[in-house]
Amino acid sequence: MRAISVFAACAALAIAGPVLTLSPAQAQTNQNDSRTIWEKIKGSWNQTKGAVKEQWGKLTDDDLLEIEGRRDQLVGKLQTRYGITREQAEAQVSTWERKRVREM
């Protein structure tokens, strides 16, 4: 019976994949990178609004005026308009950020 339990645990780990942990320095670097990205986005918000609207069509022009290039506001509006959790909205914005960085 114990062998089956061990096998099941190993199989679960194999399916889930390795757990990624960041050192405090890596986490700080990621946070700084995100801030830098959002400073650029905020500085070019009029041009960026189109890309945001293309990605998330349910956001209204009033929403985009209210967001004004602020990441936390975008996450909140996504939660409201799409009825998703904060974690889901954060994940969508993170994916979009990575795409924008490649385009910059």
PDB file of N, CA and C in Angstrom:
ATOM      1  N   MET A   1       0.824  -1.187   0.000  1.00  0.00           N
ATOM      2  CA  MET A   1       0.000   0.000   0.000  1.00  0.00           C
ATOM      3  C   MET A   1       0.870   1.254   0.000  1.00  0.00           C
ATOM      4  N   ARG A   2       1.961   1.210   0.785  1.00  0.00           N
ATOM      5  CA  ARG A   2       2.867   2.365   0.861  1.00  0.00           C
ATOM      6  C   ARG A   2       3.509   2.648  -0.497  1.00  0.00           C
ATOM      7  N   ALA A   3       3.832   1.605  -1.225  1.00  0.00           N
ATOM      8  CA  ALA A   3       4.450   1.767  -2.543  1.00  0.00           C
ATOM      9  C   ALA A   3       3.503   2.506  -3.489  1.00  0.00           C
ATOM     10  N   ILE A   4       2.231   2.213  -3.399  1.00  0.00           N
ATOM     11  CA  ILE A   4       1.251   2.895  -4.249  1.00  0.00           C
ATOM     12  C   ILE A   4       1.171   4.370  -3.883  1.00  0.00           C
ATOM     13  N   SER A   5       1.209   4.670  -2.601  1.00  0.00           N
ATOM     14  CA  SER A   5       1.168   6.065  -2.162  1.00  0.00           C
ATOM     15  C   SER A   5       2.385   6.842  -2.646  1.00  0.00           C
ATOM     16  N   VAL A   6       3.542   6.220  -2.550  1.00  0.00           N
ATOM     17  CA  VAL A   6       4.770   6.861  -3.006  1.00  0.00           C
ATOM     18  C   VAL A   6       4.702   7.073  -4.512  1.00  0.00           C
ATOM     19  N   PHE A   7       4.239   6.051  -5.239  1.00  0.00           N
ATOM     20  CA  PHE A   7       4.110   6.170  -6.691  1.00  0.00           C
ATOM     21  C   PHE A   7       3.149   7.295  -7.056  1.00  0.00           C
ATOM     22  N   ALA A   8       2.024   7.386  -6.375  1.00  0.00           N
ATOM     23  CA  ALA A   8       1.029   8.428  -6.663  1.00  0.00           C
ATOM     24  C   ALA A   8       1.618   9.809  -6.407  1.00  0.00           C
ATOM     25  N   ALA A   9       2.373   9.944  -5.326  1.00  0.00           N
ATOM     26  CA  ALA A   9       2.989  11.238  -5.018  1.00  0.00           C
ATOM     27  C   ALA A   9       4.011  11.615  -6.082  1.00  0.00           C
ATOM     28  N   CYS A  10       4.812  10.672  -6.516  1.00  0.00           N
ATOM     29  CA  CYS A  10       5.809  10.934  -7.564  1.00  0.00           C
ATOM     30  C   CYS A  10       5.124  11.304  -8.871  1.00  0.00           C
ATOM     31  N   ALA A  11       4.055  10.589  -9.194  1.00  0.00           N
ATOM     32  CA  ALA A  11       3.331  10.878 -10.430  1.00  0.00           C
ATOM     33  C   ALA A  11       2.736  12.285 -10.379  1.00  0.00           C
ATOM     34  N   ALA A  12       2.208  12.674  -9.237  1.00  0.00           N
ATOM     35  CA  ALA A  12       1.630  14.016  -9.095  1.00  0.00           C
ATOM     36  C   ALA A  12       2.699  15.084  -9.283  1.00  0.00           C
ATOM     37  N   LEU A  13       3.873  14.851  -8.714  1.00  0.00           N
ATOM     38  CA  LEU A  13       4.966  15.807  -8.891  1.00  0.00           C
ATOM     39  C   LEU A  13       5.433  15.868 -10.336  1.00  0.00           C
ATOM     40  N   ALA A  14       5.468  14.744 -10.992  1.00  0.00           N
ATOM     41  CA  ALA A  14       5.901  14.707 -12.395  1.00  0.00           C
ATOM     42  C   ALA A  14       4.925  15.461 -13.281  1.00  0.00           C
ATOM     43  N   ILE A  15       3.652  15.323 -12.995  1.00  0.00           N
ATOM     44  CA  ILE A  15       2.624  16.022 -13.789  1.00  0.00           C
ATOM     45  C   ILE A  15       2.660  17.515 -13.501  1.00  0.00           C
ATOM     46  N   ALA A  16       2.754  17.880 -12.238  1.00  0.00           N
ATOM     47  CA  ALA A  16       2.726  19.295 -11.855  1.00  0.00           C
ATOM     48  C   ALA A  16       3.988  20.013 -12.282  1.00  0.00           C
ATOM     49  N   GLY A  17       5.085  19.305 -12.380  1.00  0.00           N
ATOM     50  CA  GLY A  17       6.344  19.933 -12.767  1.00  0.00           C
ATOM     51  C   GLY A  17       7.035  20.515 -11.548  1.00  0.00           C
ATOM     52  N   PRO A  18       8.240  21.006 -11.758  1.00  0.00           N
ATOM     53  CA  PRO A  18       8.996  21.544 -10.634  1.00  0.00           C
ATOM     54  C   PRO A  18       8.391  22.853 -10.134  1.00  0.00           C
ATOM     55  N   VAL A  19       8.560  23.067  -8.868  1.00  0.00           N
ATOM     56  CA  VAL A  19       8.084  24.305  -8.263  1.00  0.00           C
ATOM     57  C   VAL A  19       9.155  25.367  -8.464  1.00  0.00           C
ATOM     58  N   LEU A  20       8.747  26.506  -9.005  1.00  0.00           N
ATOM     59  CA  LEU A  20       9.687  27.591  -9.254  1.00  0.00           C
ATOM     60  C   LEU A  20       9.686  28.521  -8.056  1.00  0.00           C
ATOM     61  N   THR A  21      10.845  28.695  -7.464  1.00  0.00           N
ATOM     62  CA  THR A  21      10.963  29.650  -6.371  1.00  0.00           C
ATOM     63  C   THR A  21      11.992  30.688  -6.767  1.00  0.00           C
ATOM     64  N   LEU A  22      11.694  31.913  -6.426  1.00  0.00           N
ATOM     65  CA  LEU A  22      12.595  33.010  -6.734  1.00  0.00           C
ATOM     66  C   LEU A  22      13.314  33.443  -5.471  1.00  0.00           C
ATOM     67  N   SER A  23      14.575  33.744  -5.632  1.00  0.00           N
ATOM     68  CA  SER A  23      15.298  34.315  -4.510  1.00  0.00           C
ATOM     69  C   SER A  23      14.784  35.735  -4.299  1.00  0.00           C
ATOM     70  N   PRO A  24      14.995  36.315  -3.127  1.00  0.00           N
ATOM     71  CA  PRO A  24      14.560  37.692  -2.916  1.00  0.00           C
ATOM     72  C   PRO A  24      15.133  38.652  -3.953  1.00  0.00           C
ATOM     73  N   ALA A  25      16.380  38.424  -4.375  1.00  0.00           N
ATOM     74  CA  ALA A  25      16.990  39.301  -5.383  1.00  0.00           C
ATOM     75  C   ALA A  25      16.278  39.151  -6.724  1.00  0.00           C
ATOM     76  N   GLN A  26      15.910  37.920  -7.107  1.00  0.00           N
ATOM     77  CA  GLN A  26      15.198  37.701  -8.362  1.00  0.00           C
ATOM     78  C   GLN A  26      13.806  38.325  -8.304  1.00  0.00           C
ATOM     79  N   ALA A  27      13.134  38.172  -7.178  1.00  0.00           N
ATOM     80  CA  ALA A  27      11.810  38.760  -7.030  1.00  0.00           C
ATOM     81  C   ALA A  27      11.884  40.280  -7.133  1.00  0.00           C
ATOM     82  N   GLN A  28      12.902  40.883  -6.522  1.00  0.00           N
ATOM     83  CA  GLN A  28      13.082  42.327  -6.591  1.00  0.00           C
ATOM     84  C   GLN A  28      13.358  42.764  -8.018  1.00  0.00           C
ATOM     85  N   THR A  29      14.159  41.997  -8.751  1.00  0.00           N
ATOM     86  CA  THR A  29      14.460  42.314 -10.150  1.00  0.00           C
ATOM     87  C   THR A  29      13.192  42.262 -10.983  1.00  0.00           C
ATOM     88  N   ASN A  30      12.374  41.214 -10.787  1.00  0.00           N
ATOM     89  CA  ASN A  30      11.123  41.099 -11.523  1.00  0.00           C
ATOM     90  C   ASN A  30      10.196  42.271 -11.223  1.00  0.00           C
ATOM     91  N   GLN A  31      10.157  42.687  -9.962  1.00  0.00           N
ATOM     92  CA  GLN A  31       9.315  43.814  -9.572  1.00  0.00           C
ATOM     93  C   GLN A  31       9.818  45.105 -10.218  1.00  0.00           C
ATOM     94  N   ASN A  32      11.129  45.299 -10.242  1.00  0.00           N
ATOM     95  CA  ASN A  32      11.697  46.480 -10.874  1.00  0.00           C
ATOM     96  C   ASN A  32      11.431  46.479 -12.370  1.00  0.00           C
ATOM     97  N   ASP A  33      11.552  45.303 -13.005  1.00  0.00           N
ATOM     98  CA  ASP A  33      11.262  45.196 -14.432  1.00  0.00           C
ATOM     99  C   ASP A  33       9.817  45.581 -14.715  1.00  0.00           C
ATOM    100  N   SER A  34       8.909  45.103 -13.894  1.00  0.00           N
ATOM    101  CA  SER A  34       7.494  45.409 -14.069  1.00  0.00           C
ATOM    102  C   SER A  34       7.250  46.912 -13.917  1.00  0.00           C
ATOM    103  N   ARG A  35       7.890  47.526 -12.935  1.00  0.00           N
ATOM    104  CA  ARG A  35       7.745  48.982 -12.750  1.00  0.00           C
ATOM    105  C   ARG A  35       8.254  49.743 -13.967  1.00  0.00           C
ATOM    106  N   THR A  36       9.404  49.314 -14.485  1.00  0.00           N
ATOM    107  CA  THR A  36       9.977  49.964 -15.658  1.00  0.00           C
ATOM    108  C   THR A  36       9.040  49.836 -16.851  1.00  0.00           C
ATOM    109  N   ILE A  37       8.501  48.646 -17.048  1.00  0.00           N
ATOM    110  CA  ILE A  37       7.563  48.423 -18.148  1.00  0.00           C
ATOM    111  C   ILE A  37       6.373  49.351 -18.006  1.00  0.00           C
ATOM    112  N   TRP A  38       5.823  49.445 -16.789  1.00  0.00           N
ATOM    113  CA  TRP A  38       4.618  50.252 -16.599  1.00  0.00           C
ATOM    114  C   TRP A  38       4.911  51.740 -16.658  1.00  0.00           C
ATOM    115  N   GLU A  39       6.107  52.141 -16.350  1.00  0.00           N
ATOM    116  CA  GLU A  39       6.465  53.553 -16.554  1.00  0.00           C
ATOM    117  C   GLU A  39       6.440  53.882 -18.042  1.00  0.00           C
ATOM    118  N   LYS A  40       6.941  52.969 -18.869  1.00  0.00           N
ATOM    119  CA  LYS A  40       6.906  53.163 -20.321  1.00  0.00           C
ATOM    120  C   LYS A  40       5.469  53.154 -20.834  1.00  0.00           C
ATOM    121  N   ILE A  41       4.683  52.208 -20.339  1.00  0.00           N
ATOM    122  CA  ILE A  41       3.283  52.117 -20.762  1.00  0.00           C
ATOM    123  C   ILE A  41       2.534  53.378 -20.374  1.00  0.00           C
ATOM    124  N   LYS A  42       2.747  53.840 -19.154  1.00  0.00           N
ATOM    125  CA  LYS A  42       2.059  55.042 -18.689  1.00  0.00           C
ATOM    126  C   LYS A  42       2.467  56.256 -19.527  1.00  0.00           C
ATOM    127  N   GLY A  43       3.746  56.324 -19.884  1.00  0.00           N
ATOM    128  CA  GLY A  43       4.236  57.445 -20.680  1.00  0.00           C
ATOM    129  C   GLY A  43       3.670  57.473 -22.084  1.00  0.00           C
ATOM    130  N   SER A  44       3.311  56.309 -22.600  1.00  0.00           N
ATOM    131  CA  SER A  44       2.751  56.243 -23.953  1.00  0.00           C
ATOM    132  C   SER A  44       1.319  55.704 -23.913  1.00  0.00           C
ATOM    133  N   TRP A  45       0.577  56.088 -22.887  1.00  0.00           N
ATOM    134  CA  TRP A  45      -0.750  55.525 -22.666  1.00  0.00           C
ATOM    135  C   TRP A  45      -1.691  55.768 -23.844  1.00  0.00           C
ATOM    136  N   ASN A  46      -1.639  56.946 -24.466  1.00  0.00           N
ATOM    137  CA  ASN A  46      -2.533  57.202 -25.594  1.00  0.00           C
ATOM    138  C   ASN A  46      -2.318  56.205 -26.728  1.00  0.00           C
ATOM    139  N   GLN A  47      -1.067  55.820 -26.967  1.00  0.00           N
ATOM    140  CA  GLN A  47      -0.784  54.825 -27.994  1.00  0.00           C
ATOM    141  C   GLN A  47      -1.101  53.412 -27.499  1.00  0.00           C
ATOM    142  N   THR A  48      -0.935  53.193 -26.229  1.00  0.00           N
ATOM    143  CA  THR A  48      -1.114  51.855 -25.653  1.00  0.00           C
ATOM    144  C   THR A  48      -2.590  51.493 -25.486  1.00  0.00           C
ATOM    145  N   LYS A  49      -3.442  52.501 -25.352  1.00  0.00           N
ATOM    146  CA  LYS A  49      -4.871  52.236 -25.148  1.00  0.00           C
ATOM    147  C   LYS A  49      -5.453  51.343 -26.233  1.00  0.00           C
ATOM    148  N   GLY A  50      -5.008  51.544 -27.457  1.00  0.00           N
ATOM    149  CA  GLY A  50      -5.511  50.715 -28.554  1.00  0.00           C
ATOM    150  C   GLY A  50      -5.173  49.250 -28.366  1.00  0.00           C
ATOM    151  N   ALA A  51      -3.948  48.987 -27.927  1.00  0.00           N
ATOM    152  CA  ALA A  51      -3.528  47.601 -27.696  1.00  0.00           C
ATOM    153  C   ALA A  51      -4.310  46.990 -26.540  1.00  0.00           C
ATOM    154  N   VAL A  52      -4.578  47.787 -25.512  1.00  0.00           N
ATOM    155  CA  VAL A  52      -5.351  47.306 -24.362  1.00  0.00           C
ATOM    156  C   VAL A  52      -6.777  46.990 -24.807  1.00  0.00           C
ATOM    157  N   LYS A  53      -7.359  47.885 -25.580  1.00  0.00           N
ATOM    158  CA  LYS A  53      -8.732  47.690 -26.057  1.00  0.00           C
ATOM    159  C   LYS A  53      -8.812  46.467 -26.979  1.00  0.00           C
ATOM    160  N   GLU A  54      -7.771  46.270 -27.784  1.00  0.00           N
ATOM    161  CA  GLU A  54      -7.732  45.101 -28.659  1.00  0.00           C
ATOM    162  C   GLU A  54      -7.666  43.809 -27.851  1.00  0.00           C
ATOM    163  N   GLN A  55      -6.878  43.818 -26.785  1.00  0.00           N
ATOM    164  CA  GLN A  55      -6.723  42.636 -25.935  1.00  0.00           C
ATOM    165  C   GLN A  55      -7.978  42.363 -25.115  1.00  0.00           C
ATOM    166  N   TRP A  56      -8.543  43.423 -24.546  1.00  0.00           N
ATOM    167  CA  TRP A  56      -9.701  43.295 -23.662  1.00  0.00           C
ATOM    168  C   TRP A  56     -10.822  44.191 -24.171  1.00  0.00           C
ATOM    169  N   GLY A  57     -11.581  43.677 -25.108  1.00  0.00           N
ATOM    170  CA  GLY A  57     -12.619  44.451 -25.781  1.00  0.00           C
ATOM    171  C   GLY A  57     -13.768  44.909 -24.903  1.00  0.00           C
ATOM    172  N   LYS A  58     -13.943  44.289 -23.745  1.00  0.00           N
ATOM    173  CA  LYS A  58     -15.040  44.697 -22.865  1.00  0.00           C
ATOM    174  C   LYS A  58     -14.739  45.990 -22.103  1.00  0.00           C
ATOM    175  N   LEU A  59     -13.490  46.434 -22.128  1.00  0.00           N
ATOM    176  CA  LEU A  59     -13.154  47.691 -21.449  1.00  0.00           C
ATOM    177  C   LEU A  59     -13.692  48.853 -22.276  1.00  0.00           C
ATOM    178  N   THR A  60     -14.315  49.791 -21.596  1.00  0.00           N
ATOM    179  CA  THR A  60     -14.892  50.951 -22.284  1.00  0.00           C
ATOM    180  C   THR A  60     -13.860  52.077 -22.375  1.00  0.00           C
ATOM    181  N   ASP A  61     -14.181  53.075 -23.178  1.00  0.00           N
ATOM    182  CA  ASP A  61     -13.305  54.250 -23.269  1.00  0.00           C
ATOM    183  C   ASP A  61     -13.188  54.942 -21.906  1.00  0.00           C
ATOM    184  N   ASP A  62     -14.284  54.961 -21.164  1.00  0.00           N
ATOM    185  CA  ASP A  62     -14.237  55.537 -19.815  1.00  0.00           C
ATOM    186  C   ASP A  62     -13.305  54.736 -18.902  1.00  0.00           C
ATOM    187  N   ASP A  63     -13.338  53.421 -19.034  1.00  0.00           N
ATOM    188  CA  ASP A  63     -12.423  52.570 -18.262  1.00  0.00           C
ATOM    189  C   ASP A  63     -10.980  52.942 -18.570  1.00  0.00           C
ATOM    190  N   LEU A  64     -10.675  53.088 -19.859  1.00  0.00           N
ATOM    191  CA  LEU A  64      -9.309  53.394 -20.277  1.00  0.00           C
ATOM    192  C   LEU A  64      -8.867  54.762 -19.768  1.00  0.00           C
ATOM    193  N   LEU A  65      -9.797  55.723 -19.734  1.00  0.00           N
ATOM    194  CA  LEU A  65      -9.469  57.041 -19.171  1.00  0.00           C
ATOM    195  C   LEU A  65      -9.165  56.928 -17.682  1.00  0.00           C
ATOM    196  N   GLU A  66      -9.930  56.099 -16.999  1.00  0.00           N
ATOM    197  CA  GLU A  66      -9.735  55.915 -15.556  1.00  0.00           C
ATOM    198  C   GLU A  66      -8.438  55.162 -15.248  1.00  0.00           C
ATOM    199  N   ILE A  67      -8.097  54.199 -16.072  1.00  0.00           N
ATOM    200  CA  ILE A  67      -6.888  53.394 -15.850  1.00  0.00           C
ATOM    201  C   ILE A  67      -5.638  54.250 -15.971  1.00  0.00           C
ATOM    202  N   GLU A  68      -5.556  55.093 -16.997  1.00  0.00           N
ATOM    203  CA  GLU A  68      -4.432  56.013 -17.220  1.00  0.00           C
ATOM    204  C   GLU A  68      -3.064  55.360 -17.075  1.00  0.00           C
ATOM    205  N   GLY A  69      -2.920  54.138 -17.562  1.00  0.00           N
ATOM    206  CA  GLY A  69      -1.612  53.487 -17.530  1.00  0.00           C
ATOM    207  C   GLY A  69      -1.219  52.898 -16.191  1.00  0.00           C
ATOM    208  N   ARG A  70      -2.154  52.770 -15.276  1.00  0.00           N
ATOM    209  CA  ARG A  70      -1.850  52.197 -13.961  1.00  0.00           C
ATOM    210  C   ARG A  70      -2.229  50.721 -13.943  1.00  0.00           C
ATOM    211  N   ARG A  71      -1.251  49.902 -13.657  1.00  0.00           N
ATOM    212  CA  ARG A  71      -1.432  48.450 -13.700  1.00  0.00           C
ATOM    213  C   ARG A  71      -2.523  47.979 -12.746  1.00  0.00           C
ATOM    214  N   ASP A  72      -2.502  48.464 -11.523  1.00  0.00           N
ATOM    215  CA  ASP A  72      -3.488  48.026 -10.527  1.00  0.00           C
ATOM    216  C   ASP A  72      -4.906  48.377 -10.961  1.00  0.00           C
ATOM    217  N   GLN A  73      -5.078  49.526 -11.618  1.00  0.00           N
ATOM    218  CA  GLN A  73      -6.391  49.910 -12.115  1.00  0.00           C
ATOM    219  C   GLN A  73      -6.844  48.980 -13.245  1.00  0.00           C
ATOM    220  N   LEU A  74      -5.907  48.610 -14.119  1.00  0.00           N
ATOM    221  CA  LEU A  74      -6.225  47.683 -15.207  1.00  0.00           C
ATOM    222  C   LEU A  74      -6.670  46.335 -14.640  1.00  0.00           C
ATOM    223  N   VAL A  75      -5.933  45.838 -13.675  1.00  0.00           N
ATOM    224  CA  VAL A  75      -6.293  44.554 -13.055  1.00  0.00           C
ATOM    225  C   VAL A  75      -7.698  44.636 -12.453  1.00  0.00           C
ATOM    226  N   GLY A  76      -7.985  45.712 -11.753  1.00  0.00           N
ATOM    227  CA  GLY A  76      -9.305  45.888 -11.140  1.00  0.00           C
ATOM    228  C   GLY A  76     -10.424  45.954 -12.167  1.00  0.00           C
ATOM    229  N   LYS A  77     -10.186  46.682 -13.243  1.00  0.00           N
ATOM    230  CA  LYS A  77     -11.204  46.789 -14.294  1.00  0.00           C
ATOM    231  C   LYS A  77     -11.437  45.452 -14.979  1.00  0.00           C
ATOM    232  N   LEU A  78     -10.376  44.676 -15.168  1.00  0.00           N
ATOM    233  CA  LEU A  78     -10.534  43.352 -15.769  1.00  0.00           C
ATOM    234  C   LEU A  78     -11.382  42.453 -14.877  1.00  0.00           C
ATOM    235  N   GLN A  79     -11.143  42.533 -13.582  1.00  0.00           N
ATOM    236  CA  GLN A  79     -11.948  41.756 -12.640  1.00  0.00           C
ATOM    237  C   GLN A  79     -13.426  42.107 -12.794  1.00  0.00           C
ATOM    238  N   THR A  80     -13.695  43.406 -12.841  1.00  0.00           N
ATOM    239  CA  THR A  80     -15.077  43.878 -12.910  1.00  0.00           C
ATOM    240  C   THR A  80     -15.745  43.509 -14.228  1.00  0.00           C
ATOM    241  N   ARG A  81     -15.097  43.828 -15.333  1.00  0.00           N
ATOM    242  CA  ARG A  81     -15.703  43.628 -16.652  1.00  0.00           C
ATOM    243  C   ARG A  81     -15.825  42.160 -17.053  1.00  0.00           C
ATOM    244  N   TYR A  82     -14.860  41.350 -16.636  1.00  0.00           N
ATOM    245  CA  TYR A  82     -14.855  39.956 -17.053  1.00  0.00           C
ATOM    246  C   TYR A  82     -15.306  38.995 -15.962  1.00  0.00           C
ATOM    247  N   GLY A  83     -15.544  39.505 -14.759  1.00  0.00           N
ATOM    248  CA  GLY A  83     -16.011  38.652 -13.667  1.00  0.00           C
ATOM    249  C   GLY A  83     -15.019  37.562 -13.303  1.00  0.00           C
ATOM    250  N   ILE A  84     -13.741  37.938 -13.230  1.00  0.00           N
ATOM    251  CA  ILE A  84     -12.683  36.973 -12.927  1.00  0.00           C
ATOM    252  C   ILE A  84     -12.029  37.340 -11.601  1.00  0.00           C
ATOM    253  N   THR A  85     -11.231  36.422 -11.082  1.00  0.00           N
ATOM    254  CA  THR A  85     -10.546  36.675  -9.818  1.00  0.00           C
ATOM    255  C   THR A  85      -9.356  37.603 -10.045  1.00  0.00           C
ATOM    256  N   ARG A  86      -8.858  38.154  -8.967  1.00  0.00           N
ATOM    257  CA  ARG A  86      -7.681  39.021  -9.055  1.00  0.00           C
ATOM    258  C   ARG A  86      -6.490  38.237  -9.624  1.00  0.00           C
ATOM    259  N   GLU A  87      -6.338  36.997  -9.208  1.00  0.00           N
ATOM    260  CA  GLU A  87      -5.233  36.167  -9.688  1.00  0.00           C
ATOM    261  C   GLU A  87      -5.325  35.951 -11.196  1.00  0.00           C
ATOM    262  N   GLN A  88      -6.542  35.712 -11.689  1.00  0.00           N
ATOM    263  CA  GLN A  88      -6.722  35.529 -13.125  1.00  0.00           C
ATOM    264  C   GLN A  88      -6.404  36.816 -13.883  1.00  0.00           C
ATOM    265  N   ALA A  89      -6.859  37.936 -13.362  1.00  0.00           N
ATOM    266  CA  ALA A  89      -6.583  39.226 -13.996  1.00  0.00           C
ATOM    267  C   ALA A  89      -5.089  39.522 -13.979  1.00  0.00           C
ATOM    268  N   GLU A  90      -4.429  39.248 -12.849  1.00  0.00           N
ATOM    269  CA  GLU A  90      -2.976  39.448 -12.750  1.00  0.00           C
ATOM    270  C   GLU A  90      -2.251  38.599 -13.787  1.00  0.00           C
ATOM    271  N   ALA A  91      -2.683  37.353 -13.941  1.00  0.00           N
ATOM    272  CA  ALA A  91      -2.042  36.460 -14.904  1.00  0.00           C
ATOM    273  C   ALA A  91      -2.209  36.985 -16.331  1.00  0.00           C
ATOM    274  N   GLN A  92      -3.401  37.465 -16.652  1.00  0.00           N
ATOM    275  CA  GLN A  92      -3.635  38.011 -17.991  1.00  0.00           C
ATOM    276  C   GLN A  92      -2.766  39.244 -18.245  1.00  0.00           C
ATOM    277  N   VAL A  93      -2.680  40.122 -17.262  1.00  0.00           N
ATOM    278  CA  VAL A  93      -1.876  41.334 -17.421  1.00  0.00           C
ATOM    279  C   VAL A  93      -0.395  40.965 -17.536  1.00  0.00           C
ATOM    280  N   SER A  94       0.065  40.005 -16.752  1.00  0.00           N
ATOM    281  CA  SER A  94       1.466  39.574 -16.836  1.00  0.00           C
ATOM    282  C   SER A  94       1.796  39.027 -18.216  1.00  0.00           C
ATOM    283  N   THR A  95       0.910  38.217 -18.757  1.00  0.00           N
ATOM    284  CA  THR A  95       1.112  37.676 -20.104  1.00  0.00           C
ATOM    285  C   THR A  95       1.154  38.808 -21.124  1.00  0.00           C
ATOM    286  N   TRP A  96       0.237  39.745 -20.992  1.00  0.00           N
ATOM    287  CA  TRP A  96       0.187  40.894 -21.906  1.00  0.00           C
ATOM    288  C   TRP A  96       1.445  41.742 -21.776  1.00  0.00           C
ATOM    289  N   GLU A  97       1.932  41.935 -20.547  1.00  0.00           N
ATOM    290  CA  GLU A  97       3.173  42.706 -20.326  1.00  0.00           C
ATOM    291  C   GLU A  97       4.333  42.083 -21.092  1.00  0.00           C
ATOM    292  N   ARG A  98       4.487  40.763 -20.969  1.00  0.00           N
ATOM    293  CA  ARG A  98       5.596  40.088 -21.657  1.00  0.00           C
ATOM    294  C   ARG A  98       5.507  40.287 -23.167  1.00  0.00           C
ATOM    295  N   LYS A  99       4.300  40.244 -23.688  1.00  0.00           N
ATOM    296  CA  LYS A  99       4.093  40.467 -25.114  1.00  0.00           C
ATOM    297  C   LYS A  99       4.475  41.898 -25.488  1.00  0.00           C
ATOM    298  N   ARG A 100       4.085  42.858 -24.663  1.00  0.00           N
ATOM    299  CA  ARG A 100       4.399  44.277 -24.940  1.00  0.00           C
ATOM    300  C   ARG A 100       5.898  44.533 -24.894  1.00  0.00           C
ATOM    301  N   VAL A 101       6.590  43.877 -23.977  1.00  0.00           N
ATOM    302  CA  VAL A 101       8.049  44.058 -23.858  1.00  0.00           C
ATOM    303  C   VAL A 101       8.717  43.624 -25.153  1.00  0.00           C
ATOM    304  N   ARG A 102       8.272  42.518 -25.723  1.00  0.00           N
ATOM    305  CA  ARG A 102       8.850  42.049 -26.986  1.00  0.00           C
ATOM    306  C   ARG A 102       8.597  43.034 -28.117  1.00  0.00           C
ATOM    307  N   GLU A 103       7.454  43.729 -28.053  1.00  0.00           N
ATOM    308  CA  GLU A 103       7.105  44.690 -29.094  1.00  0.00           C
ATOM    309  C   GLU A 103       7.807  46.030 -28.931  1.00  0.00           C
ATOM    310  N   MET A 104       8.277  46.327 -27.728  1.00  0.00           N
ATOM    311  CA  MET A 104       8.891  47.638 -27.453  1.00  0.00           C
ATOM    312  C   MET A 104      10.286  47.727 -28.031  1.00  0.00           C
TER     313      MET A 104
END
